[in-house]
Each structure stands twice: as structure tokens, then as C-alpha cells.
PDB file of N, CA and C in Angstrom:
ATOM      1  N   UNK A   1      35.384 -95.704  67.814  1.00  0.00           N
ATOM      2  CA  UNK A   1      36.507 -95.959  68.685  1.00  0.00           C
ATOM      3  C   UNK A   1      37.567 -96.742  67.918  1.00  0.00           C
ATOM      4  N   UNK A   2      38.792 -96.472  68.249  1.00  0.00           N
ATOM      5  CA  UNK A   2      39.926 -97.170  67.662  1.00  0.00           C
ATOM      6  C   UNK A   2      39.887 -98.651  68.023  1.00  0.00           C
ATOM      7  N   UNK A   3      40.398 -99.500  67.159  1.00  0.00           N
ATOM      8  CA  UNK A   3      40.426-100.943  67.427  1.00  0.00           C
ATOM      9  C   UNK A   3      41.441-101.305  68.496  1.00  0.00           C
ATOM     10  N   UNK A   4      42.424-100.425  68.741  1.00  0.00           N
ATOM     11  CA  UNK A   4      43.421-100.624  69.790  1.00  0.00           C
ATOM     12  C   UNK A   4      43.385 -99.402  70.696  1.00  0.00           C
ATOM     13  N   UNK A   5      43.228 -99.643  71.991  1.00  0.00           N
ATOM     14  CA  UNK A   5      43.221 -98.559  72.973  1.00  0.00           C
ATOM     15  C   UNK A   5      44.058 -98.977  74.175  1.00  0.00           C
ATOM     16  N   UNK A   6      44.367 -98.009  75.023  1.00  0.00           N
ATOM     17  CA  UNK A   6      45.106 -98.305  76.242  1.00  0.00           C
ATOM     18  C   UNK A   6      44.656 -97.372  77.358  1.00  0.00           C
ATOM     19  N   UNK A   7      45.041 -97.733  78.563  1.00  0.00           N
ATOM     20  CA  UNK A   7      44.696 -96.974  79.765  1.00  0.00           C
ATOM     21  C   UNK A   7      45.863 -97.166  80.721  1.00  0.00           C
ATOM     22  N   UNK A   8      46.445 -96.082  81.213  1.00  0.00           N
ATOM     23  CA  UNK A   8      47.580 -96.177  82.128  1.00  0.00           C
ATOM     24  C   UNK A   8      47.147 -95.650  83.488  1.00  0.00           C
ATOM     25  N   UNK A   9      47.319 -96.495  84.491  1.00  0.00           N
ATOM     26  CA  UNK A   9      47.001 -96.120  85.869  1.00  0.00           C
ATOM     27  C   UNK A   9      48.277 -96.141  86.691  1.00  0.00           C
ATOM     28  N   UNK A  10      48.537 -95.056  87.405  1.00  0.00           N
ATOM     29  CA  UNK A  10      49.674 -94.999  88.320  1.00  0.00           C
ATOM     30  C   UNK A  10      49.176 -95.548  89.658  1.00  0.00           C
ATOM     31  N   UNK A  11      49.390 -96.834  89.864  1.00  0.00           N
ATOM     32  CA  UNK A  11      48.839 -97.482  91.066  1.00  0.00           C
ATOM     33  C   UNK A  11      49.562 -97.050  92.334  1.00  0.00           C
ATOM     34  N   UNK A  12      50.738 -96.447  92.220  1.00  0.00           N
ATOM     35  CA  UNK A  12      51.416 -95.944  93.414  1.00  0.00           C
ATOM     36  C   UNK A  12      50.702 -94.716  93.966  1.00  0.00           C
ATOM     37  N   UNK A  13      49.964 -94.023  93.112  1.00  0.00           N
ATOM     38  CA  UNK A  13      49.178 -92.861  93.549  1.00  0.00           C
ATOM     39  C   UNK A  13      47.682 -93.146  93.582  1.00  0.00           C
ATOM     40  N   UNK A  14      47.283 -94.247  92.929  1.00  0.00           N
ATOM     41  CA  UNK A  14      45.861 -94.550  92.834  1.00  0.00           C
ATOM     42  C   UNK A  14      45.136 -93.611  91.892  1.00  0.00           C
ATOM     43  N   UNK A  15      45.840 -93.158  90.827  1.00  0.00           N
ATOM     44  CA  UNK A  15      45.264 -92.184  89.896  1.00  0.00           C
ATOM     45  C   UNK A  15      45.628 -92.546  88.458  1.00  0.00           C
ATOM     46  N   UNK A  16      44.872 -92.016  87.508  1.00  0.00           N
ATOM     47  CA  UNK A  16      45.262 -92.171  86.101  1.00  0.00           C
ATOM     48  C   UNK A  16      46.604 -91.485  85.849  1.00  0.00           C
ATOM     49  N   UNK A  17      47.373 -92.027  84.926  1.00  0.00           N
ATOM     50  CA  UNK A  17      48.653 -91.430  84.549  1.00  0.00           C
ATOM     51  C   UNK A  17      48.437 -90.618  83.274  1.00  0.00           C
ATOM     52  N   UNK A  18      48.265 -89.330  83.428  1.00  0.00           N
ATOM     53  CA  UNK A  18      48.034 -88.474  82.259  1.00  0.00           C
ATOM     54  C   UNK A  18      49.373 -88.033  81.676  1.00  0.00           C
ATOM     55  N   UNK A  19      49.362 -87.755  80.385  1.00  0.00           N
ATOM     56  CA  UNK A  19      50.551 -87.244  79.726  1.00  0.00           C
ATOM     57  C   UNK A  19      51.616 -88.272  79.387  1.00  0.00           C
ATOM     58  N   UNK A  20      51.291 -89.559  79.478  1.00  0.00           N
ATOM     59  CA  UNK A  20      52.270 -90.595  79.122  1.00  0.00           C
ATOM     60  C   UNK A  20      52.290 -90.745  77.599  1.00  0.00           C
ATOM     61  N   UNK A  21      53.457 -90.616  77.022  1.00  0.00           N
ATOM     62  CA  UNK A  21      53.606 -90.772  75.571  1.00  0.00           C
ATOM     63  C   UNK A  21      53.676 -92.260  75.229  1.00  0.00           C
ATOM     64  N   UNK A  22      52.911 -92.653  74.208  1.00  0.00           N
ATOM     65  CA  UNK A  22      52.817 -94.054  73.811  1.00  0.00           C
ATOM     66  C   UNK A  22      52.944 -94.142  72.291  1.00  0.00           C
ATOM     67  N   UNK A  23      53.722 -95.120  71.840  1.00  0.00           N
ATOM     68  CA  UNK A  23      53.883 -95.382  70.416  1.00  0.00           C
ATOM     69  C   UNK A  23      53.267 -96.727  70.089  1.00  0.00           C
ATOM     70  N   UNK A  24      52.500 -96.786  69.026  1.00  0.00           N
ATOM     71  CA  UNK A  24      51.915 -98.029  68.527  1.00  0.00           C
ATOM     72  C   UNK A  24      52.622 -98.414  67.233  1.00  0.00           C
ATOM     73  N   UNK A  25      53.091 -99.672  67.166  1.00  0.00           N
ATOM     74  CA  UNK A  25      53.776-100.183  65.976  1.00  0.00           C
ATOM     75  C   UNK A  25      53.219-101.549  65.619  1.00  0.00           C
ATOM     76  N   UNK A  26      53.507-101.978  64.389  1.00  0.00           N
ATOM     77  CA  UNK A  26      53.106-103.297  63.919  1.00  0.00           C
ATOM     78  C   UNK A  26      54.360-103.997  63.401  1.00  0.00           C
ATOM     79  N   UNK A  27      54.427-105.318  63.610  1.00  0.00           N
ATOM     80  CA  UNK A  27      55.591-106.073  63.129  1.00  0.00           C
ATOM     81  C   UNK A  27      55.418-106.406  61.656  1.00  0.00           C
ATOM     82  N   UNK A  28      56.407-106.009  60.888  1.00  0.00           N
ATOM     83  CA  UNK A  28      56.498-106.346  59.472  1.00  0.00           C
ATOM     84  C   UNK A  28      57.685-107.293  59.305  1.00  0.00           C
ATOM     85  N   UNK A  29      57.929-107.803  58.116  1.00  0.00           N
ATOM     86  CA  UNK A  29      59.036-108.748  57.929  1.00  0.00           C
ATOM     87  C   UNK A  29      60.409-108.224  58.376  1.00  0.00           C
ATOM     88  N   UNK A  30      60.621-106.918  58.327  1.00  0.00           N
ATOM     89  CA  UNK A  30      61.935-106.374  58.688  1.00  0.00           C
ATOM     90  C   UNK A  30      61.990-105.780  60.093  1.00  0.00           C
ATOM     91  N   UNK A  31      60.909-105.827  60.838  1.00  0.00           N
ATOM     92  CA  UNK A  31      60.891-105.280  62.197  1.00  0.00           C
ATOM     93  C   UNK A  31      59.593-104.552  62.469  1.00  0.00           C
ATOM     94  N   UNK A  32      59.593-103.725  63.510  1.00  0.00           N
ATOM     95  CA  UNK A  32      58.388-102.983  63.862  1.00  0.00           C
ATOM     96  C   UNK A  32      58.330-101.666  63.099  1.00  0.00           C
ATOM     97  N   UNK A  33      57.141-101.365  62.587  1.00  0.00           N
ATOM     98  CA  UNK A  33      56.879-100.126  61.843  1.00  0.00           C
ATOM     99  C   UNK A  33      55.894 -99.295  62.653  1.00  0.00           C
ATOM    100  N   UNK A  34      56.261 -98.057  62.935  1.00  0.00           N
ATOM    101  CA  UNK A  34      55.405 -97.179  63.728  1.00  0.00           C
ATOM    102  C   UNK A  34      54.143 -96.821  62.962  1.00  0.00           C
ATOM    103  N   UNK A  35      53.009 -96.917  63.666  1.00  0.00           N
ATOM    104  CA  UNK A  35      51.712 -96.555  63.096  1.00  0.00           C
ATOM    105  C   UNK A  35      51.178 -95.246  63.659  1.00  0.00           C
ATOM    106  N   UNK A  36      51.418 -95.016  64.950  1.00  0.00           N
ATOM    107  CA  UNK A  36      50.836 -93.836  65.594  1.00  0.00           C
ATOM    108  C   UNK A  36      51.577 -93.511  66.878  1.00  0.00           C
ATOM    109  N   UNK A  37      51.468 -92.242  67.267  1.00  0.00           N
ATOM    110  CA  UNK A  37      51.954 -91.765  68.573  1.00  0.00           C
ATOM    111  C   UNK A  37      50.802 -91.005  69.213  1.00  0.00           C
ATOM    112  N   UNK A  38      50.701 -91.159  70.512  1.00  0.00           N
ATOM    113  CA  UNK A  38      49.653 -90.438  71.231  1.00  0.00           C
ATOM    114  C   UNK A  38      50.102 -90.226  72.673  1.00  0.00           C
ATOM    115  N   UNK A  39      49.301 -89.471  73.400  1.00  0.00           N
ATOM    116  CA  UNK A  39      49.581 -89.173  74.796  1.00  0.00           C
ATOM    117  C   UNK A  39      48.312 -89.415  75.598  1.00  0.00           C
ATOM    118  N   UNK A  40      48.459 -90.018  76.771  1.00  0.00           N
ATOM    119  CA  UNK A  40      47.275 -90.301  77.582  1.00  0.00           C
ATOM    120  C   UNK A  40      46.602 -89.003  78.023  1.00  0.00           C
ATOM    121  N   UNK A  41      45.272 -89.042  78.067  1.00  0.00           N
ATOM    122  CA  UNK A  41      44.485 -87.868  78.460  1.00  0.00           C
ATOM    123  C   UNK A  41      44.424 -87.767  79.983  1.00  0.00           C
ATOM    124  N   UNK A  42      43.605 -86.867  80.490  1.00  0.00           N
ATOM    125  CA  UNK A  42      43.496 -86.639  81.936  1.00  0.00           C
ATOM    126  C   UNK A  42      43.015 -87.878  82.683  1.00  0.00           C
ATOM    127  N   UNK A  43      42.323 -88.768  81.982  1.00  0.00           N
ATOM    128  CA  UNK A  43      41.841 -90.018  82.585  1.00  0.00           C
ATOM    129  C   UNK A  43      42.823 -91.165  82.357  1.00  0.00           C
ATOM    130  N   UNK A  44      44.008 -90.869  81.796  1.00  0.00           N
ATOM    131  CA  UNK A  44      45.024 -91.887  81.555  1.00  0.00           C
ATOM    132  C   UNK A  44      44.757 -92.744  80.335  1.00  0.00           C
ATOM    133  N   UNK A  45      43.860 -92.307  79.459  1.00  0.00           N
ATOM    134  CA  UNK A  45      43.444 -93.136  78.320  1.00  0.00           C
ATOM    135  C   UNK A  45      43.918 -92.586  76.980  1.00  0.00           C
ATOM    136  N   UNK A  46      44.114 -93.518  76.057  1.00  0.00           N
ATOM    137  CA  UNK A  46      44.261 -93.183  74.642  1.00  0.00           C
ATOM    138  C   UNK A  46      43.139 -93.938  73.951  1.00  0.00           C
ATOM    139  N   UNK A  47      42.214 -93.180  73.417  1.00  0.00           N
ATOM    140  CA  UNK A  47      41.010 -93.758  72.817  1.00  0.00           C
ATOM    141  C   UNK A  47      41.083 -93.823  71.287  1.00  0.00           C
ATOM    142  N   UNK A  48      41.993 -93.081  70.688  1.00  0.00           N
ATOM    143  CA  UNK A  48      42.022 -92.965  69.224  1.00  0.00           C
ATOM    144  C   UNK A  48      43.420 -93.150  68.656  1.00  0.00           C
ATOM    145  N   UNK A  49      43.951 -94.356  68.695  1.00  0.00           N
ATOM    146  CA  UNK A  49      45.211 -94.627  68.008  1.00  0.00           C
ATOM    147  C   UNK A  49      44.983 -94.716  66.508  1.00  0.00           C
ATOM    148  N   UNK A  50      44.057 -95.579  66.113  1.00  0.00           N
ATOM    149  CA  UNK A  50      43.807 -95.869  64.699  1.00  0.00           C
ATOM    150  C   UNK A  50      42.305 -95.773  64.425  1.00  0.00           C
ATOM    151  N   UNK A  51      41.746 -94.584  64.416  1.00  0.00           N
ATOM    152  CA  UNK A  51      40.288 -94.480  64.302  1.00  0.00           C
ATOM    153  C   UNK A  51      39.699 -95.088  63.034  1.00  0.00           C
ATOM    154  N   UNK A  52      40.419 -95.016  61.911  1.00  0.00           N
ATOM    155  CA  UNK A  52      39.850 -95.497  60.651  1.00  0.00           C
ATOM    156  C   UNK A  52      40.643 -96.634  60.021  1.00  0.00           C
ATOM    157  N   UNK A  53      41.781 -96.965  60.590  1.00  0.00           N
ATOM    158  CA  UNK A  53      42.644 -97.984  59.983  1.00  0.00           C
ATOM    159  C   UNK A  53      42.201 -99.387  60.389  1.00  0.00           C
ATOM    160  N   UNK A  54      42.091-100.278  59.414  1.00  0.00           N
ATOM    161  CA  UNK A  54      41.725-101.659  59.757  1.00  0.00           C
ATOM    162  C   UNK A  54      42.912-102.396  60.380  1.00  0.00           C
ATOM    163  N   UNK A  55      42.617-103.316  61.262  1.00  0.00           N
ATOM    164  CA  UNK A  55      43.662-104.149  61.850  1.00  0.00           C
ATOM    165  C   UNK A  55      44.075-105.239  60.877  1.00  0.00           C
ATOM    166  N   UNK A  56      45.256-105.769  61.103  1.00  0.00           N
ATOM    167  CA  UNK A  56      45.748-106.926  60.361  1.00  0.00           C
ATOM    168  C   UNK A  56      46.057-108.020  61.371  1.00  0.00           C
ATOM    169  N   UNK A  57      46.058-109.255  60.935  1.00  0.00           N
ATOM    170  CA  UNK A  57      46.443-110.372  61.814  1.00  0.00           C
ATOM    171  C   UNK A  57      47.966-110.367  61.931  1.00  0.00           C
ATOM    172  N   UNK A  58      48.436-109.596  62.868  1.00  0.00           N
ATOM    173  CA  UNK A  58      49.878-109.405  63.066  1.00  0.00           C
ATOM    174  C   UNK A  58      50.159-109.170  64.542  1.00  0.00           C
ATOM    175  N   UNK A  59      51.440-109.034  64.851  1.00  0.00           N
ATOM    176  CA  UNK A  59      51.865-108.666  66.194  1.00  0.00           C
ATOM    177  C   UNK A  59      52.005-107.158  66.260  1.00  0.00           C
ATOM    178  N   UNK A  60      51.427-106.576  67.289  1.00  0.00           N
ATOM    179  CA  UNK A  60      51.490-105.136  67.523  1.00  0.00           C
ATOM    180  C   UNK A  60      52.310-104.863  68.775  1.00  0.00           C
ATOM    181  N   UNK A  61      52.784-103.650  68.889  1.00  0.00           N
ATOM    182  CA  UNK A  61      53.620-103.266  70.020  1.00  0.00           C
ATOM    183  C   UNK A  61      53.202-101.889  70.525  1.00  0.00           C
ATOM    184  N   UNK A  62      53.062-101.781  71.833  1.00  0.00           N
ATOM    185  CA  UNK A  62      52.865-100.496  72.492  1.00  0.00           C
ATOM    186  C   UNK A  62      54.120-100.209  73.307  1.00  0.00           C
ATOM    187  N   UNK A  63      54.681 -99.013  73.160  1.00  0.00           N
ATOM    188  CA  UNK A  63      55.839 -98.599  73.949  1.00  0.00           C
ATOM    189  C   UNK A  63      55.436 -97.366  74.746  1.00  0.00           C
ATOM    190  N   UNK A  64      55.516 -97.474  76.062  1.00  0.00           N
ATOM    191  CA  UNK A  64      55.123 -96.415  76.987  1.00  0.00           C
ATOM    192  C   UNK A  64      56.381 -95.728  77.517  1.00  0.00           C
ATOM    193  N   UNK A  65      56.457 -94.411  77.427  1.00  0.00           N
ATOM    194  CA  UNK A  65      57.598 -93.653  77.956  1.00  0.00           C
ATOM    195  C   UNK A  65      57.351 -93.402  79.442  1.00  0.00           C
ATOM    196  N   UNK A  66      57.641 -94.399  80.245  1.00  0.00           N
ATOM    197  CA  UNK A  66      57.319 -94.341  81.679  1.00  0.00           C
ATOM    198  C   UNK A  66      58.284 -93.451  82.456  1.00  0.00           C
ATOM    199  N   UNK A  67      59.563 -93.424  82.060  1.00  0.00           N
ATOM    200  CA  UNK A  67      60.536 -92.619  82.803  1.00  0.00           C
ATOM    201  C   UNK A  67      60.157 -91.144  82.784  1.00  0.00           C
ATOM    202  N   UNK A  68      59.714 -90.645  81.638  1.00  0.00           N
ATOM    203  CA  UNK A  68      59.331 -89.233  81.543  1.00  0.00           C
ATOM    204  C   UNK A  68      58.163 -88.929  82.475  1.00  0.00           C
ATOM    205  N   UNK A  69      57.212 -89.863  82.556  1.00  0.00           N
ATOM    206  CA  UNK A  69      56.062 -89.675  83.445  1.00  0.00           C
ATOM    207  C   UNK A  69      56.518 -89.492  84.890  1.00  0.00           C
ATOM    208  N   UNK A  70      57.414 -90.346  85.346  1.00  0.00           N
ATOM    209  CA  UNK A  70      57.870 -90.253  86.731  1.00  0.00           C
ATOM    210  C   UNK A  70      58.790 -89.059  86.953  1.00  0.00           C
ATOM    211  N   UNK A  71      59.644 -88.744  85.993  1.00  0.00           N
ATOM    212  CA  UNK A  71      60.514 -87.570  86.127  1.00  0.00           C
ATOM    213  C   UNK A  71      59.699 -86.300  86.304  1.00  0.00           C
ATOM    214  N   UNK A  72      58.616 -86.177  85.521  1.00  0.00           N
ATOM    215  CA  UNK A  72      57.783 -84.972  85.604  1.00  0.00           C
ATOM    216  C   UNK A  72      57.141 -84.808  86.972  1.00  0.00           C
ATOM    217  N   UNK A  73      56.956 -85.908  87.688  1.00  0.00           N
ATOM    218  CA  UNK A  73      56.369 -85.811  89.032  1.00  0.00           C
ATOM    219  C   UNK A  73      57.437 -85.877  90.121  1.00  0.00           C
ATOM    220  N   UNK A  74      58.715 -85.807  89.729  1.00  0.00           N
ATOM    221  CA  UNK A  74      59.796 -85.776  90.703  1.00  0.00           C
ATOM    222  C   UNK A  74      60.077 -87.108  91.382  1.00  0.00           C
ATOM    223  N   UNK A  75      59.671 -88.197  90.733  1.00  0.00           N
ATOM    224  CA  UNK A  75      59.901 -89.522  91.317  1.00  0.00           C
ATOM    225  C   UNK A  75      60.870 -90.321  90.453  1.00  0.00           C
ATOM    226  N   UNK A  76      61.680 -91.164  91.085  1.00  0.00           N
ATOM    227  CA  UNK A  76      62.584 -92.001  90.292  1.00  0.00           C
ATOM    228  C   UNK A  76      61.811 -93.108  89.585  1.00  0.00           C
ATOM    229  N   UNK A  77      62.406 -93.612  88.514  1.00  0.00           N
ATOM    230  CA  UNK A  77      61.789 -94.728  87.793  1.00  0.00           C
ATOM    231  C   UNK A  77      62.865 -95.748  87.459  1.00  0.00           C
ATOM    232  N   UNK A  78      62.572 -96.990  87.669  1.00  0.00           N
ATOM    233  CA  UNK A  78      63.501 -98.065  87.352  1.00  0.00           C
ATOM    234  C   UNK A  78      63.438 -98.426  85.876  1.00  0.00           C
ATOM    235  N   UNK A  79      62.234 -98.438  85.316  1.00  0.00           N
ATOM    236  CA  UNK A  79      62.033 -98.791  83.913  1.00  0.00           C
ATOM    237  C   UNK A  79      61.945 -97.520  83.070  1.00  0.00           C
ATOM    238  N   UNK A  80      62.819 -97.402  82.080  1.00  0.00           N
ATOM    239  CA  UNK A  80      62.778 -96.255  81.175  1.00  0.00           C
ATOM    240  C   UNK A  80      61.536 -96.280  80.302  1.00  0.00           C
ATOM    241  N   UNK A  81      61.246 -97.470  79.793  1.00  0.00           N
ATOM    242  CA  UNK A  81      60.090 -97.681  78.930  1.00  0.00           C
ATOM    243  C   UNK A  81      59.479 -99.033  79.261  1.00  0.00           C
ATOM    244  N   UNK A  82      58.200 -99.149  78.963  1.00  0.00           N
ATOM    245  CA  UNK A  82      57.523-100.447  79.038  1.00  0.00           C
ATOM    246  C   UNK A  82      57.094-100.779  77.620  1.00  0.00           C
ATOM    247  N   UNK A  83      57.499-101.963  77.157  1.00  0.00           N
ATOM    248  CA  UNK A  83      57.156-102.421  75.816  1.00  0.00           C
ATOM    249  C   UNK A  83      56.258-103.640  75.930  1.00  0.00           C
ATOM    250  N   UNK A  84      55.085-103.558  75.321  1.00  0.00           N
ATOM    251  CA  UNK A  84      54.126-104.660  75.337  1.00  0.00           C
ATOM    252  C   UNK A  84      53.861-105.101  73.904  1.00  0.00           C
ATOM    253  N   UNK A  85      54.018-106.399  73.653  1.00  0.00           N
ATOM    254  CA  UNK A  85      53.710-106.959  72.341  1.00  0.00           C
ATOM    255  C   UNK A  85      52.511-107.877  72.488  1.00  0.00           C
ATOM    256  N   UNK A  86      51.591-107.799  71.524  1.00  0.00           N
ATOM    257  CA  UNK A  86      50.385-108.621  71.572  1.00  0.00           C
ATOM    258  C   UNK A  86      49.962-108.983  70.160  1.00  0.00           C
ATOM    259  N   UNK A  87      49.236-110.069  70.048  1.00  0.00           N
ATOM    260  CA  UNK A  87      48.828-110.602  68.756  1.00  0.00           C
ATOM    261  C   UNK A  87      47.367-110.278  68.486  1.00  0.00           C
ATOM    262  N   UNK A  88      47.101-109.735  67.317  1.00  0.00           N
ATOM    263  CA  UNK A  88      45.733-109.512  66.859  1.00  0.00           C
ATOM    264  C   UNK A  88      45.351-110.707  66.000  1.00  0.00           C
ATOM    265  N   UNK A  89      44.361-111.457  66.453  1.00  0.00           N
ATOM    266  CA  UNK A  89      43.924-112.640  65.708  1.00  0.00           C
ATOM    267  C   UNK A  89      42.488-112.509  65.208  1.00  0.00           C
ATOM    268  N   UNK A  90      41.676-111.726  65.904  1.00  0.00           N
ATOM    269  CA  UNK A  90      40.274-111.521  65.526  1.00  0.00           C
ATOM    270  C   UNK A  90      40.123-110.093  65.023  1.00  0.00           C
ATOM    271  N   UNK A  91      39.950-109.934  63.726  1.00  0.00           N
ATOM    272  CA  UNK A  91      39.908-108.596  63.130  1.00  0.00           C
ATOM    273  C   UNK A  91      38.670-107.797  63.510  1.00  0.00           C
ATOM    274  N   UNK A  92      37.662-108.454  64.049  1.00  0.00           N
ATOM    275  CA  UNK A  92      36.451-107.742  64.451  1.00  0.00           C
ATOM    276  C   UNK A  92      36.477-107.339  65.930  1.00  0.00           C
ATOM    277  N   UNK A  93      37.510-107.748  66.652  1.00  0.00           N
ATOM    278  CA  UNK A  93      37.581-107.494  68.101  1.00  0.00           C
ATOM    279  C   UNK A  93      38.183-106.124  68.397  1.00  0.00           C
ATOM    280  N   UNK A  94      37.914-105.665  69.605  1.00  0.00           N
ATOM    281  CA  UNK A  94      38.532-104.463  70.148  1.00  0.00           C
ATOM    282  C   UNK A  94      39.656-104.931  71.066  1.00  0.00           C
ATOM    283  N   UNK A  95      40.832-104.338  70.951  1.00  0.00           N
ATOM    284  CA  UNK A  95      41.978-104.711  71.767  1.00  0.00           C
ATOM    285  C   UNK A  95      42.310-103.560  72.710  1.00  0.00           C
ATOM    286  N   UNK A  96      41.978-103.751  73.979  1.00  0.00           N
ATOM    287  CA  UNK A  96      42.261-102.766  75.015  1.00  0.00           C
ATOM    288  C   UNK A  96      43.380-103.335  75.874  1.00  0.00           C
ATOM    289  N   UNK A  97      44.496-102.600  75.952  1.00  0.00           N
ATOM    290  CA  UNK A  97      45.693-103.089  76.638  1.00  0.00           C
ATOM    291  C   UNK A  97      46.072-102.098  77.739  1.00  0.00           C
ATOM    292  N   UNK A  98      45.560-102.290  78.964  1.00  0.00           N
ATOM    293  CA  UNK A  98      45.870-101.389  80.065  1.00  0.00           C
ATOM    294  C   UNK A  98      47.261-101.649  80.652  1.00  0.00           C
ATOM    295  N   UNK A  99      47.813-100.612  81.267  1.00  0.00           N
ATOM    296  CA  UNK A  99      49.096-100.716  81.964  1.00  0.00           C
ATOM    297  C   UNK A  99      48.900-100.178  83.377  1.00  0.00           C
ATOM    298  N   UNK A 100      49.203-101.010  84.363  1.00  0.00           N
ATOM    299  CA  UNK A 100      49.191-100.603  85.770  1.00  0.00           C
ATOM    300  C   UNK A 100      50.647-100.355  86.147  1.00  0.00           C
ATOM    301  N   UNK A 101      50.944 -99.160  86.621  1.00  0.00           N
ATOM    302  CA  UNK A 101      52.320 -98.688  86.692  1.00  0.00           C
ATOM    303  C   UNK A 101      52.690 -98.189  88.086  1.00  0.00           C
ATOM    304  N   UNK A 102      53.899 -98.517  88.513  1.00  0.00           N
ATOM    305  CA  UNK A 102      54.517 -97.923  89.697  1.00  0.00           C
ATOM    306  C   UNK A 102      55.954 -97.569  89.299  1.00  0.00           C
ATOM    307  N   UNK A 103      56.684 -96.804  90.109  1.00  0.00           N
ATOM    308  CA  UNK A 103      58.053 -96.473  89.717  1.00  0.00           C
ATOM    309  C   UNK A 103      58.966 -97.701  89.552  1.00  0.00           C
ATOM    310  N   UNK A 104      58.646 -98.795  90.229  1.00  0.00           N
ATOM    311  CA  UNK A 104      59.541 -99.952  90.202  1.00  0.00           C
ATOM    312  C   UNK A 104      58.873-101.235  89.725  1.00  0.00           C
ATOM    313  N   UNK A 105      57.724-101.128  89.086  1.00  0.00           N
ATOM    314  CA  UNK A 105      57.067-102.314  88.575  1.00  0.00           C
ATOM    315  C   UNK A 105      55.858-101.956  87.729  1.00  0.00           C
ATOM    316  N   UNK A 106      55.359-102.963  87.013  1.00  0.00           N
ATOM    317  CA  UNK A 106      54.160-102.768  86.204  1.00  0.00           C
ATOM    318  C   UNK A 106      53.501-104.112  85.957  1.00  0.00           C
ATOM    319  N   UNK A 107      52.225-104.052  85.585  1.00  0.00           N
ATOM    320  CA  UNK A 107      51.501-105.243  85.144  1.00  0.00           C
ATOM    321  C   UNK A 107      50.542-104.817  84.053  1.00  0.00           C
ATOM    322  N   UNK A 108      50.053-105.795  83.330  1.00  0.00           N
ATOM    323  CA  UNK A 108      49.162-105.534  82.215  1.00  0.00           C
ATOM    324  C   UNK A 108      48.245-106.720  82.032  1.00  0.00           C
ATOM    325  N   UNK A 109      47.228-106.546  81.218  1.00  0.00           N
ATOM    326  CA  UNK A 109      46.275-107.607  80.927  1.00  0.00           C
ATOM    327  C   UNK A 109      45.492-107.202  79.679  1.00  0.00           C
ATOM    328  N   UNK A 110      44.729-108.137  79.143  1.00  0.00           N
ATOM    329  CA  UNK A 110      43.837-107.782  78.044  1.00  0.00           C
ATOM    330  C   UNK A 110      42.534-107.287  78.644  1.00  0.00           C
ATOM    331  N   UNK A 111      42.229-106.050  78.402  1.00  0.00           N
ATOM    332  CA  UNK A 111      41.015-105.444  78.924  1.00  0.00           C
ATOM    333  C   UNK A 111      39.853-105.609  77.965  1.00  0.00           C
ATOM    334  N   UNK A 112      38.790-104.908  78.285  1.00  0.00           N
ATOM    335  CA  UNK A 112      37.606-104.988  77.424  1.00  0.00           C
ATOM    336  C   UNK A 112      37.153-103.597  77.025  1.00  0.00           C
TER     337      UNK A 112
END
């Protein structure tokens, strides 16, 4: 399993949000550098961002294309994208960063 994973749930429907495009980047001295792009599966998960790449003690960023998700289902969206930044401090840990999403709000937490 990848050291960084995510799970997107559309809480307005009570279902996983499949097909959400997500970009993973890492902060370098000059800004964020893209590492991977993926799309959530039928269960709303991305399980393999970096299957073989080691983590570094740095700040990482996940950018979720939320507007496209809502447009495809014919619903309006207030947020075009959701950007989450988090710090990797334990190189042996798994970092699961879920996103709970509605057309007009979102929340997140460190998962397991």
C-alpha cells in the first residue's frame, strides 16, 4: 500500500465520491512539485499514489477537483478545489487523509 492514501465521501448523498481527480505534491524550496495524479475508485478511494516511493520529512499537498465531481452529477459547487496540506514527520507511518464533501462544505482529518 502507498504511504499516502485518501478517501472521498460525498456526505450529501451518503456515498463514496468516485471519479474525483486528485493531485499529490510535495513542497520543495521553490514551491510544490507534483508527484502523482490519480482518480478515486468506485469506493471513493485512492490506494496507490506512491506505491514504491519513500516519503520524506516534508509538507505534502493533496488537491481535489471537487467542482468537476459535482458538475458531473448536475449539482452546483461552491468550492472549485479543496487543497489540503499536511506534514510527514514519521517516515514509517501511513498517512491516510480522508475528505468528507458536500457541495457547500468539507471536512477532513487524519485517518488510519
